[in-house]
Each structure stands twice: as C-alpha cells, then as structure tokens.
C-alpha cells in the first residue's frame, strides 16, 4: 500500500477550506484533494501513481484540464472559489480520471470514453459527467453583446470570439442559423 493510501485511511474525507478565495488556501486544498482521489485509485489498482503537476492558471468557462503526456492538471481558481464543494467532488476526480485512464489503458482511448467512465464510476465512485453546470458569468468575461434573427435574444461573447469576428469570422446562432451581429460592449466589472 502506498504512503498516499495509508495517509487517507486515517482521514477519509475531502479537505475543508475556510476561504476558497484565498489562492494559497485554495492551492493547498486542491493538492490535498488530488492526493485524496489518487489514494482511491492506488487502492483499487494496488499500485503507486505519481502526484500530478498542478497549474492554477486556467481561466474562462473551463473548470479543469488534464495534460496526459506530462501528467499535469490545470484548474480554474475563479470557478473553484464559487463552487468549492462541487469542484472538489466532481472536477478534481474528473481530471485525475483522465490521467489514470490514460496511464492504465493507453493513448488510443476516447477522452470521455468507456475507460474514463469506468475509472470515474468504479474506481473513484463519482458519477461520470462530462461537463460541469457552474455559472461562468463572472469567470468567462463575456462582455461583447451580439444579436441574431431570434426575437429578443442576446448572445454574450468573449473578447477572443469578438476579435475573430472583427477579423472576418462569422458565428451563427444555433437556433435560427443567422449570423451574429454586434450590438454593444457590456461594462467590465
């Protein structure tokens, strides 16, 4: 049994964080949560896994990303701050499941395929959801408002998409299939 698994036999619970808005506390809680979920995988497979490199630079809508070849995970501290409990119980195991599935089944598996789902559900004991349901209003910074042919519908876009439109890319409304037209810029907070 690994040292990580031994550690979590003593304390079988996810970390609590008094202030998820504090980057230092959030990082420590994420490191602890990664060890917690890694211990479950180690117990199941009866082998040691290296601790993944942690990167806290992710922004926008995405809560987490796994880099399989480099054994690294990136997390969005803005979404962690607003969704601490769900983040620890869903996002952290989701990203670790990608790494573990890659390590155990190889590089030819689908990102959210049967191997990943099996790791999520059977190994980690977490429902295998492919996307989160977090409110991304504050983190995505969708400050560019567009309209389409739909009555009273507004599309809020990020600066990246807005700049692509300025350079000539067209985006279509998924409902009416018309090209999005710029309206105004929302005041940034």
N, C-alpha and C. Protein backbone atom coordinates (compact mmCIF):
# COMPACT_ATOMS: atom_id res chain seq x y z
N UNK A 1 0.85 -1.19 0.00
CA UNK A 1 0.00 0.00 0.00
C UNK A 1 0.89 1.25 0.00
N UNK A 2 0.52 2.23 -0.80
CA UNK A 2 1.33 3.44 -0.92
C UNK A 2 1.21 4.33 0.32
N UNK A 3 2.13 5.29 0.41
CA UNK A 3 2.08 6.25 1.50
C UNK A 3 0.82 7.11 1.41
N UNK A 4 0.41 7.43 0.17
CA UNK A 4 -0.80 8.23 -0.02
C UNK A 4 -2.01 7.47 0.49
N UNK A 5 -2.14 6.20 0.10
CA UNK A 5 -3.28 5.40 0.54
C UNK A 5 -3.29 5.26 2.06
N UNK A 6 -2.12 5.08 2.67
CA UNK A 6 -2.02 4.98 4.13
C UNK A 6 -2.49 6.27 4.79
N UNK A 7 -2.08 7.41 4.24
CA UNK A 7 -2.48 8.71 4.78
C UNK A 7 -4.00 8.84 4.80
N UNK A 8 -4.66 8.42 3.73
CA UNK A 8 -6.10 8.62 3.64
C UNK A 8 -6.92 7.53 4.30
N UNK A 9 -6.28 6.48 4.78
CA UNK A 9 -7.01 5.55 5.63
C UNK A 9 -7.28 6.22 6.98
N UNK A 10 -6.38 7.10 7.37
CA UNK A 10 -6.54 7.80 8.64
C UNK A 10 -7.61 8.88 8.56
N UNK A 11 -7.73 9.53 7.41
CA UNK A 11 -8.68 10.62 7.25
C UNK A 11 -9.37 10.48 5.91
N UNK A 12 -10.54 9.85 5.90
CA UNK A 12 -11.23 9.52 4.66
C UNK A 12 -12.22 10.61 4.25
N UNK A 13 -11.77 11.86 4.24
CA UNK A 13 -12.67 12.94 3.83
C UNK A 13 -11.90 13.98 3.02
N UNK A 14 -12.64 14.68 2.19
CA UNK A 14 -12.06 15.75 1.39
C UNK A 14 -11.71 16.94 2.27
N UNK A 15 -10.79 17.78 1.81
CA UNK A 15 -10.37 18.92 2.64
C UNK A 15 -11.44 19.98 2.75
N UNK A 16 -11.44 20.65 3.88
CA UNK A 16 -12.28 21.83 4.05
C UNK A 16 -11.37 23.04 3.89
N UNK A 17 -11.95 24.12 3.39
CA UNK A 17 -11.16 25.32 3.15
C UNK A 17 -11.96 26.49 3.68
N UNK A 18 -11.42 27.20 4.67
CA UNK A 18 -12.16 28.30 5.28
C UNK A 18 -12.35 29.47 4.32
N UNK A 19 -11.44 29.65 3.35
CA UNK A 19 -11.55 30.76 2.41
C UNK A 19 -11.07 30.34 1.03
N UNK A 20 -11.95 29.72 0.20
CA UNK A 20 -11.55 29.30 -1.14
C UNK A 20 -11.11 30.46 -2.04
N UNK A 21 -11.41 31.69 -1.66
CA UNK A 21 -10.99 32.86 -2.44
C UNK A 21 -9.50 33.16 -2.22
N UNK A 22 -8.93 32.63 -1.14
CA UNK A 22 -7.51 32.83 -0.87
C UNK A 22 -6.72 31.82 -1.73
N UNK A 23 -5.92 32.30 -2.67
CA UNK A 23 -5.20 31.40 -3.57
C UNK A 23 -4.31 30.37 -2.87
N UNK A 24 -3.71 30.75 -1.76
CA UNK A 24 -2.84 29.83 -1.04
C UNK A 24 -3.67 28.69 -0.43
N UNK A 25 -4.78 29.05 0.22
CA UNK A 25 -5.65 28.02 0.80
C UNK A 25 -6.25 27.14 -0.28
N UNK A 26 -6.66 27.76 -1.39
CA UNK A 26 -7.25 27.01 -2.49
C UNK A 26 -6.24 26.01 -3.07
N UNK A 27 -5.00 26.45 -3.23
CA UNK A 27 -3.97 25.55 -3.77
C UNK A 27 -3.74 24.38 -2.83
N UNK A 28 -3.64 24.66 -1.54
CA UNK A 28 -3.43 23.58 -0.56
C UNK A 28 -4.60 22.59 -0.58
N UNK A 29 -5.82 23.11 -0.65
CA UNK A 29 -6.99 22.24 -0.69
C UNK A 29 -6.99 21.39 -1.97
N UNK A 30 -6.61 21.98 -3.09
CA UNK A 30 -6.54 21.22 -4.35
C UNK A 30 -5.48 20.13 -4.27
N UNK A 31 -4.33 20.44 -3.71
CA UNK A 31 -3.28 19.42 -3.57
C UNK A 31 -3.76 18.26 -2.69
N UNK A 32 -4.42 18.60 -1.60
CA UNK A 32 -4.95 17.58 -0.70
C UNK A 32 -6.01 16.74 -1.40
N UNK A 33 -6.91 17.41 -2.15
CA UNK A 33 -7.96 16.69 -2.87
C UNK A 33 -7.37 15.76 -3.92
N UNK A 34 -6.34 16.21 -4.61
CA UNK A 34 -5.71 15.34 -5.60
C UNK A 34 -5.13 14.10 -4.93
N UNK A 35 -4.51 14.28 -3.76
CA UNK A 35 -3.99 13.13 -3.02
C UNK A 35 -5.11 12.20 -2.57
N UNK A 36 -6.21 12.79 -2.13
CA UNK A 36 -7.37 12.01 -1.69
C UNK A 36 -7.87 11.10 -2.82
N UNK A 37 -8.09 11.67 -4.01
CA UNK A 37 -8.62 10.89 -5.13
C UNK A 37 -7.56 9.93 -5.67
N UNK A 38 -6.31 10.33 -5.65
CA UNK A 38 -5.22 9.47 -6.10
C UNK A 38 -5.12 8.23 -5.20
N UNK A 39 -5.35 8.41 -3.91
CA UNK A 39 -5.31 7.29 -2.97
C UNK A 39 -6.37 6.25 -3.31
N UNK A 40 -7.55 6.70 -3.72
CA UNK A 40 -8.60 5.75 -4.12
C UNK A 40 -8.15 4.92 -5.32
N UNK A 41 -7.52 5.59 -6.29
CA UNK A 41 -7.03 4.87 -7.47
C UNK A 41 -5.91 3.91 -7.10
N UNK A 42 -5.02 4.34 -6.23
CA UNK A 42 -3.92 3.47 -5.81
C UNK A 42 -4.43 2.23 -5.09
N UNK A 43 -5.43 2.40 -4.25
CA UNK A 43 -6.01 1.25 -3.56
C UNK A 43 -6.65 0.30 -4.55
N UNK A 44 -7.37 0.84 -5.51
CA UNK A 44 -8.05 -0.01 -6.49
C UNK A 44 -7.05 -0.79 -7.35
N UNK A 45 -6.05 -0.11 -7.87
CA UNK A 45 -5.09 -0.75 -8.77
C UNK A 45 -3.92 -1.40 -8.05
N UNK A 46 -3.84 -1.17 -6.74
CA UNK A 46 -2.76 -1.70 -5.92
C UNK A 46 -1.40 -1.33 -6.50
N UNK A 47 -1.26 -0.05 -6.83
CA UNK A 47 -0.01 0.48 -7.37
C UNK A 47 0.09 1.95 -7.05
N UNK A 48 1.29 2.49 -7.14
CA UNK A 48 1.51 3.91 -6.89
C UNK A 48 1.39 4.71 -8.18
N UNK A 49 0.80 5.89 -8.06
CA UNK A 49 0.76 6.85 -9.17
C UNK A 49 1.51 8.09 -8.71
N UNK A 50 2.25 8.74 -9.62
CA UNK A 50 2.91 9.99 -9.22
C UNK A 50 1.88 11.08 -9.00
N UNK A 51 2.22 12.01 -8.14
CA UNK A 51 1.33 13.16 -7.94
C UNK A 51 1.43 14.06 -9.17
N UNK A 52 0.30 14.44 -9.77
CA UNK A 52 0.35 15.29 -10.96
C UNK A 52 0.87 16.69 -10.64
N UNK A 53 1.48 17.31 -11.64
CA UNK A 53 1.86 18.71 -11.53
C UNK A 53 0.59 19.54 -11.49
N UNK A 54 0.56 20.56 -10.68
CA UNK A 54 -0.62 21.40 -10.51
C UNK A 54 -0.37 22.78 -11.10
N UNK A 55 -1.30 23.23 -11.94
CA UNK A 55 -1.24 24.54 -12.57
C UNK A 55 -2.57 25.23 -12.30
N UNK A 56 -2.53 26.42 -11.76
CA UNK A 56 -3.75 27.13 -11.38
C UNK A 56 -4.02 28.32 -12.29
N UNK A 57 -3.60 28.26 -13.53
CA UNK A 57 -3.71 29.40 -14.44
C UNK A 57 -4.92 29.34 -15.37
N UNK A 58 -5.76 28.35 -15.26
CA UNK A 58 -6.89 28.21 -16.17
C UNK A 58 -7.91 29.31 -15.92
N UNK A 59 -8.46 29.88 -16.99
CA UNK A 59 -9.45 30.95 -16.91
C UNK A 59 -10.64 30.62 -17.79
N UNK A 60 -11.68 31.43 -17.68
CA UNK A 60 -12.84 31.29 -18.56
C UNK A 60 -13.85 30.28 -18.08
N UNK A 61 -14.45 29.55 -19.02
CA UNK A 61 -15.54 28.61 -18.75
C UNK A 61 -15.08 27.26 -18.24
N UNK A 62 -13.89 26.87 -18.57
CA UNK A 62 -13.38 25.53 -18.28
C UNK A 62 -12.95 25.43 -16.81
N UNK A 63 -13.40 24.38 -16.13
CA UNK A 63 -13.05 24.20 -14.71
C UNK A 63 -11.71 23.52 -14.54
N UNK A 64 -11.39 22.59 -15.43
CA UNK A 64 -10.14 21.86 -15.32
C UNK A 64 -9.71 21.27 -16.64
N UNK A 65 -8.45 20.96 -16.75
CA UNK A 65 -7.89 20.30 -17.93
C UNK A 65 -6.81 19.34 -17.47
N UNK A 66 -6.73 18.20 -18.15
CA UNK A 66 -5.68 17.22 -17.87
C UNK A 66 -4.75 17.14 -19.07
N UNK A 67 -3.46 17.15 -18.81
CA UNK A 67 -2.43 17.01 -19.83
C UNK A 67 -1.81 15.63 -19.64
N UNK A 68 -2.23 14.70 -20.50
CA UNK A 68 -1.90 13.30 -20.31
C UNK A 68 -0.42 12.99 -20.41
N UNK A 69 0.23 13.52 -21.43
CA UNK A 69 1.64 13.20 -21.68
C UNK A 69 2.55 13.72 -20.57
N UNK A 70 2.20 14.87 -19.99
CA UNK A 70 3.07 15.48 -18.98
C UNK A 70 2.59 15.25 -17.55
N UNK A 71 1.46 14.51 -17.40
CA UNK A 71 0.90 14.19 -16.07
C UNK A 71 0.69 15.47 -15.27
N UNK A 72 -0.10 16.35 -15.86
CA UNK A 72 -0.33 17.69 -15.30
C UNK A 72 -1.82 17.99 -15.34
N UNK A 73 -2.29 18.74 -14.33
CA UNK A 73 -3.68 19.21 -14.33
C UNK A 73 -3.70 20.72 -14.13
N UNK A 74 -4.63 21.37 -14.82
CA UNK A 74 -4.84 22.81 -14.66
C UNK A 74 -6.24 23.00 -14.09
N UNK A 75 -6.36 23.95 -13.17
CA UNK A 75 -7.65 24.25 -12.58
C UNK A 75 -7.92 25.75 -12.64
N UNK A 76 -9.21 26.08 -12.64
CA UNK A 76 -9.70 27.45 -12.69
C UNK A 76 -10.05 27.89 -11.27
N UNK A 77 -9.20 28.73 -10.68
CA UNK A 77 -9.43 29.18 -9.30
C UNK A 77 -10.70 30.00 -9.15
N UNK A 78 -11.10 30.74 -10.20
CA UNK A 78 -12.33 31.51 -10.13
C UNK A 78 -13.55 30.62 -9.95
N UNK A 79 -13.60 29.52 -10.70
CA UNK A 79 -14.72 28.58 -10.56
C UNK A 79 -14.62 27.79 -9.27
N UNK A 80 -13.41 27.49 -8.81
CA UNK A 80 -13.24 26.81 -7.53
C UNK A 80 -13.81 27.67 -6.41
N UNK A 81 -13.48 28.95 -6.44
CA UNK A 81 -13.93 29.88 -5.40
C UNK A 81 -15.45 29.90 -5.30
N UNK A 82 -16.13 29.88 -6.44
CA UNK A 82 -17.58 29.99 -6.47
C UNK A 82 -18.30 28.65 -6.28
N UNK A 83 -17.59 27.53 -6.44
CA UNK A 83 -18.22 26.20 -6.43
C UNK A 83 -17.35 25.20 -5.69
N UNK A 84 -16.87 25.57 -4.52
CA UNK A 84 -15.85 24.79 -3.83
C UNK A 84 -16.22 23.31 -3.65
N UNK A 85 -17.36 23.05 -3.05
CA UNK A 85 -17.74 21.67 -2.73
C UNK A 85 -17.84 20.81 -3.99
N UNK A 86 -18.57 21.28 -4.98
CA UNK A 86 -18.72 20.53 -6.23
C UNK A 86 -17.40 20.38 -6.96
N UNK A 87 -16.57 21.39 -6.89
CA UNK A 87 -15.26 21.35 -7.54
C UNK A 87 -14.44 20.19 -6.99
N UNK A 88 -14.40 20.07 -5.67
CA UNK A 88 -13.60 19.02 -5.03
C UNK A 88 -14.18 17.62 -5.28
N UNK A 89 -15.51 17.53 -5.37
CA UNK A 89 -16.16 16.24 -5.52
C UNK A 89 -16.35 15.81 -6.97
N UNK A 90 -16.26 16.76 -7.92
CA UNK A 90 -16.51 16.42 -9.31
C UNK A 90 -15.35 16.76 -10.24
N UNK A 91 -14.86 17.99 -10.17
CA UNK A 91 -13.84 18.45 -11.12
C UNK A 91 -12.49 17.78 -10.88
N UNK A 92 -12.05 17.73 -9.64
CA UNK A 92 -10.75 17.12 -9.34
C UNK A 92 -10.73 15.64 -9.75
N UNK A 93 -11.73 14.83 -9.34
CA UNK A 93 -11.69 13.44 -9.79
C UNK A 93 -11.85 13.30 -11.31
N UNK A 94 -12.61 14.19 -11.94
CA UNK A 94 -12.79 14.16 -13.39
C UNK A 94 -11.44 14.26 -14.10
N UNK A 95 -10.63 15.24 -13.69
CA UNK A 95 -9.34 15.43 -14.35
C UNK A 95 -8.36 14.31 -14.01
N UNK A 96 -8.36 13.86 -12.76
CA UNK A 96 -7.48 12.74 -12.40
C UNK A 96 -7.88 11.46 -13.14
N UNK A 97 -9.17 11.27 -13.37
CA UNK A 97 -9.64 10.09 -14.10
C UNK A 97 -9.07 10.07 -15.52
N UNK A 98 -8.92 11.26 -16.13
CA UNK A 98 -8.30 11.32 -17.45
C UNK A 98 -6.86 10.78 -17.39
N UNK A 99 -6.11 11.24 -16.39
CA UNK A 99 -4.72 10.80 -16.26
C UNK A 99 -4.62 9.30 -16.00
N UNK A 100 -5.45 8.83 -15.08
CA UNK A 100 -5.40 7.42 -14.70
C UNK A 100 -5.83 6.53 -15.86
N UNK A 101 -6.89 6.91 -16.56
CA UNK A 101 -7.35 6.12 -17.71
C UNK A 101 -6.27 6.07 -18.78
N UNK A 102 -5.61 7.19 -19.02
CA UNK A 102 -4.52 7.23 -20.00
C UNK A 102 -3.39 6.30 -19.56
N UNK A 103 -3.03 6.36 -18.30
CA UNK A 103 -1.92 5.55 -17.78
C UNK A 103 -2.26 4.06 -17.83
N UNK A 104 -3.50 3.72 -17.52
CA UNK A 104 -3.87 2.31 -17.42
C UNK A 104 -4.29 1.69 -18.75
N UNK A 105 -4.87 2.50 -19.65
CA UNK A 105 -5.43 1.93 -20.89
C UNK A 105 -4.75 2.42 -22.16
N UNK A 106 -3.82 3.36 -22.05
CA UNK A 106 -3.09 3.81 -23.23
C UNK A 106 -3.67 5.05 -23.87
N UNK A 107 -2.98 5.53 -24.89
CA UNK A 107 -3.32 6.80 -25.52
C UNK A 107 -4.37 6.74 -26.60
N UNK A 108 -4.88 5.58 -26.93
CA UNK A 108 -5.86 5.48 -28.02
C UNK A 108 -7.31 5.50 -27.52
N UNK A 109 -7.51 5.79 -26.26
CA UNK A 109 -8.86 5.82 -25.72
C UNK A 109 -9.50 7.19 -25.97
N UNK A 110 -10.83 7.22 -25.98
CA UNK A 110 -11.55 8.48 -26.16
C UNK A 110 -11.54 9.25 -24.85
N UNK A 111 -11.51 10.61 -24.93
CA UNK A 111 -11.41 11.41 -23.70
C UNK A 111 -12.48 11.11 -22.65
N UNK A 112 -13.73 10.93 -23.06
CA UNK A 112 -14.79 10.59 -22.11
C UNK A 112 -15.41 9.24 -22.48
N UNK A 113 -14.56 8.34 -22.93
CA UNK A 113 -14.99 7.02 -23.35
C UNK A 113 -15.23 6.08 -22.19
N UNK A 114 -15.42 4.80 -22.55
CA UNK A 114 -15.79 3.80 -21.54
C UNK A 114 -14.71 3.61 -20.48
N UNK A 115 -13.45 3.75 -20.85
CA UNK A 115 -12.37 3.59 -19.87
C UNK A 115 -12.41 4.73 -18.85
N UNK A 116 -12.57 5.96 -19.32
CA UNK A 116 -12.65 7.11 -18.41
C UNK A 116 -13.87 6.98 -17.51
N UNK A 117 -15.03 6.61 -18.10
CA UNK A 117 -16.25 6.44 -17.30
C UNK A 117 -16.06 5.35 -16.23
N UNK A 118 -15.38 4.27 -16.61
CA UNK A 118 -15.13 3.20 -15.66
C UNK A 118 -14.28 3.69 -14.49
N UNK A 119 -13.23 4.44 -14.79
CA UNK A 119 -12.37 4.99 -13.72
C UNK A 119 -13.20 5.90 -12.82
N UNK A 120 -14.01 6.77 -13.41
CA UNK A 120 -14.83 7.68 -12.60
C UNK A 120 -15.77 6.91 -11.68
N UNK A 121 -16.53 5.98 -12.26
CA UNK A 121 -17.60 5.33 -11.50
C UNK A 121 -17.12 4.17 -10.63
N UNK A 122 -16.31 3.28 -11.19
CA UNK A 122 -15.92 2.07 -10.47
C UNK A 122 -14.72 2.29 -9.55
N UNK A 123 -13.78 3.10 -10.00
CA UNK A 123 -12.56 3.31 -9.21
C UNK A 123 -12.74 4.44 -8.19
N UNK A 124 -13.22 5.59 -8.68
CA UNK A 124 -13.33 6.76 -7.80
C UNK A 124 -14.71 6.89 -7.15
N UNK A 125 -15.71 6.21 -7.69
CA UNK A 125 -17.05 6.25 -7.11
C UNK A 125 -17.76 7.58 -7.32
N UNK A 126 -17.51 8.22 -8.47
CA UNK A 126 -18.09 9.52 -8.79
C UNK A 126 -18.89 9.39 -10.08
N UNK A 127 -20.08 10.00 -10.16
CA UNK A 127 -20.83 9.96 -11.42
C UNK A 127 -20.00 10.53 -12.57
N UNK A 128 -20.04 9.87 -13.71
CA UNK A 128 -19.22 10.25 -14.87
C UNK A 128 -19.92 11.31 -15.71
N UNK A 129 -19.85 12.55 -15.26
CA UNK A 129 -20.40 13.67 -16.03
C UNK A 129 -19.27 14.31 -16.83
N UNK A 130 -19.57 14.64 -18.08
CA UNK A 130 -18.51 15.19 -18.93
C UNK A 130 -18.37 16.70 -18.81
N UNK A 131 -19.41 17.39 -18.36
CA UNK A 131 -19.34 18.84 -18.23
C UNK A 131 -19.89 19.28 -16.87
N UNK A 132 -19.45 20.43 -16.42
CA UNK A 132 -19.96 20.98 -15.18
C UNK A 132 -21.16 21.87 -15.47
N UNK A 133 -21.87 22.23 -14.43
CA UNK A 133 -23.04 23.11 -14.56
C UNK A 133 -22.82 24.41 -13.79
N UNK A 134 -21.58 24.84 -13.66
CA UNK A 134 -21.27 26.04 -12.90
C UNK A 134 -21.68 27.30 -13.66
N UNK A 135 -22.06 28.32 -12.92
CA UNK A 135 -22.32 29.63 -13.52
C UNK A 135 -20.97 30.24 -13.88
N UNK A 136 -20.78 30.53 -15.16
CA UNK A 136 -19.49 31.07 -15.62
C UNK A 136 -19.57 32.55 -15.95
N UNK A 137 -20.62 33.22 -15.52
CA UNK A 137 -20.82 34.63 -15.83
C UNK A 137 -19.64 35.48 -15.41
N UNK A 138 -19.13 35.26 -14.21
CA UNK A 138 -18.03 36.08 -13.71
C UNK A 138 -16.69 35.68 -14.29
N UNK A 139 -16.47 34.39 -14.51
CA UNK A 139 -15.16 33.93 -14.95
C UNK A 139 -14.96 34.01 -16.46
N UNK A 140 -16.03 33.89 -17.23
CA UNK A 140 -15.88 33.85 -18.68
C UNK A 140 -15.71 35.24 -19.29
N UNK A 141 -16.11 36.28 -18.58
CA UNK A 141 -15.98 37.65 -19.07
C UNK A 141 -16.53 37.81 -20.48
N UNK A 142 -17.79 37.50 -20.62
CA UNK A 142 -18.47 37.63 -21.91
C UNK A 142 -19.07 39.02 -22.00
N UNK A 143 -18.24 39.96 -22.39
CA UNK A 143 -18.63 41.37 -22.36
C UNK A 143 -19.06 41.93 -23.70
N UNK A 144 -19.10 41.13 -24.75
CA UNK A 144 -19.46 41.62 -26.08
C UNK A 144 -20.80 41.04 -26.47
N UNK A 145 -21.78 41.93 -26.62
CA UNK A 145 -23.16 41.51 -26.85
C UNK A 145 -23.49 41.55 -28.34
N UNK A 146 -24.08 40.46 -28.82
CA UNK A 146 -24.46 40.30 -30.22
C UNK A 146 -25.93 39.89 -30.28
N UNK A 147 -26.55 40.11 -31.45
CA UNK A 147 -27.92 39.65 -31.66
C UNK A 147 -27.98 38.83 -32.94
N UNK A 148 -29.08 38.09 -33.07
CA UNK A 148 -29.33 37.26 -34.25
C UNK A 148 -30.75 37.58 -34.71
N UNK A 149 -31.33 36.72 -35.52
CA UNK A 149 -32.69 36.93 -36.01
C UNK A 149 -33.75 36.48 -35.00
N UNK A 150 -33.35 35.79 -33.95
CA UNK A 150 -34.31 35.37 -32.92
C UNK A 150 -34.85 36.61 -32.20
N UNK A 151 -36.15 36.67 -31.94
CA UNK A 151 -36.69 37.84 -31.23
C UNK A 151 -36.16 37.92 -29.80
N UNK A 152 -35.71 39.09 -29.42
CA UNK A 152 -35.26 39.39 -28.06
C UNK A 152 -34.20 38.44 -27.52
N UNK A 153 -33.29 38.00 -28.38
CA UNK A 153 -32.21 37.10 -27.94
C UNK A 153 -30.88 37.84 -28.04
N UNK A 154 -30.08 37.72 -26.98
CA UNK A 154 -28.75 38.32 -26.95
C UNK A 154 -27.72 37.22 -26.75
N UNK A 155 -26.62 37.31 -27.47
CA UNK A 155 -25.51 36.38 -27.33
C UNK A 155 -24.34 37.14 -26.73
N UNK A 156 -23.83 36.69 -25.59
CA UNK A 156 -22.68 37.32 -24.95
C UNK A 156 -21.43 36.54 -25.34
N UNK A 157 -20.46 37.22 -25.94
CA UNK A 157 -19.24 36.57 -26.42
C UNK A 157 -18.01 37.09 -25.68
N UNK A 158 -16.99 36.26 -25.67
CA UNK A 158 -15.71 36.65 -25.06
C UNK A 158 -14.94 37.55 -26.01
N UNK A 159 -13.90 38.17 -25.50
CA UNK A 159 -13.07 39.03 -26.33
C UNK A 159 -12.40 38.25 -27.46
N UNK A 160 -12.06 37.01 -27.21
CA UNK A 160 -11.43 36.17 -28.24
C UNK A 160 -12.36 36.00 -29.44
N UNK A 161 -13.61 35.63 -29.17
CA UNK A 161 -14.57 35.47 -30.28
C UNK A 161 -14.89 36.81 -30.93
N UNK A 162 -15.03 37.85 -30.12
CA UNK A 162 -15.29 39.18 -30.67
C UNK A 162 -14.17 39.58 -31.64
N UNK A 163 -12.93 39.39 -31.24
CA UNK A 163 -11.79 39.74 -32.09
C UNK A 163 -11.77 38.91 -33.37
N UNK A 164 -12.17 37.65 -33.29
CA UNK A 164 -12.25 36.83 -34.51
C UNK A 164 -13.30 37.38 -35.47
N UNK A 165 -14.42 37.84 -34.92
CA UNK A 165 -15.46 38.43 -35.75
C UNK A 165 -14.94 39.71 -36.41
N UNK A 166 -14.23 40.53 -35.65
CA UNK A 166 -13.65 41.76 -36.19
C UNK A 166 -12.72 41.44 -37.36
N UNK A 167 -12.00 40.30 -37.27
CA UNK A 167 -11.08 39.90 -38.34
C UNK A 167 -11.76 39.13 -39.47
N UNK A 168 -13.09 38.95 -39.40
CA UNK A 168 -13.80 38.36 -40.53
C UNK A 168 -14.48 37.02 -40.31
N UNK A 169 -14.35 36.42 -39.14
CA UNK A 169 -15.02 35.14 -38.87
C UNK A 169 -16.49 35.40 -38.60
N UNK A 170 -17.36 34.54 -39.10
CA UNK A 170 -18.79 34.63 -38.81
C UNK A 170 -19.18 33.55 -37.82
N UNK A 171 -19.98 33.92 -36.82
CA UNK A 171 -20.57 32.96 -35.90
C UNK A 171 -22.07 32.95 -36.14
N UNK A 172 -22.67 31.75 -36.09
CA UNK A 172 -24.09 31.61 -36.34
C UNK A 172 -24.83 31.25 -35.06
N UNK A 173 -26.06 31.73 -34.97
CA UNK A 173 -26.95 31.34 -33.87
C UNK A 173 -27.33 29.88 -34.09
N UNK A 174 -27.27 29.07 -33.05
CA UNK A 174 -27.62 27.66 -33.17
C UNK A 174 -29.13 27.45 -33.35
N UNK A 175 -29.93 28.44 -32.97
CA UNK A 175 -31.38 28.31 -33.10
C UNK A 175 -31.88 28.73 -34.47
N UNK A 176 -31.51 29.94 -34.91
CA UNK A 176 -32.06 30.48 -36.17
C UNK A 176 -31.08 30.41 -37.33
N UNK A 177 -29.82 30.04 -37.05
CA UNK A 177 -28.79 29.89 -38.07
C UNK A 177 -28.42 31.19 -38.78
N UNK A 178 -28.72 32.34 -38.16
CA UNK A 178 -28.33 33.62 -38.76
C UNK A 178 -26.99 34.08 -38.17
N UNK A 179 -26.30 34.95 -38.90
CA UNK A 179 -25.00 35.47 -38.46
C UNK A 179 -25.20 36.41 -37.27
N UNK A 180 -24.33 36.30 -36.27
CA UNK A 180 -24.40 37.18 -35.11
C UNK A 180 -23.90 38.57 -35.49
N UNK A 181 -24.64 39.60 -35.04
CA UNK A 181 -24.33 41.00 -35.33
C UNK A 181 -24.03 41.72 -34.02
N UNK A 182 -22.92 42.49 -34.02
CA UNK A 182 -22.50 43.20 -32.81
C UNK A 182 -23.52 44.26 -32.40
N UNK A 183 -23.82 44.30 -31.09
CA UNK A 183 -24.70 45.30 -30.52
C UNK A 183 -23.91 46.31 -29.70
N UNK A 184 -23.27 45.82 -28.63
CA UNK A 184 -22.60 46.74 -27.71
C UNK A 184 -21.63 45.98 -26.83
N UNK A 185 -20.84 46.72 -26.09
CA UNK A 185 -19.92 46.16 -25.11
C UNK A 185 -20.50 46.38 -23.73
N UNK A 186 -20.58 45.31 -22.96
CA UNK A 186 -21.05 45.40 -21.58
C UNK A 186 -19.94 46.00 -20.74
N UNK A 187 -20.29 46.80 -19.75
CA UNK A 187 -19.28 47.40 -18.86
C UNK A 187 -18.59 46.30 -18.09
N UNK A 188 -17.27 46.25 -18.18
CA UNK A 188 -16.49 45.25 -17.44
C UNK A 188 -16.49 45.61 -15.96
N UNK A 189 -16.57 44.57 -15.13
CA UNK A 189 -16.59 44.78 -13.68
C UNK A 189 -15.21 44.86 -13.13
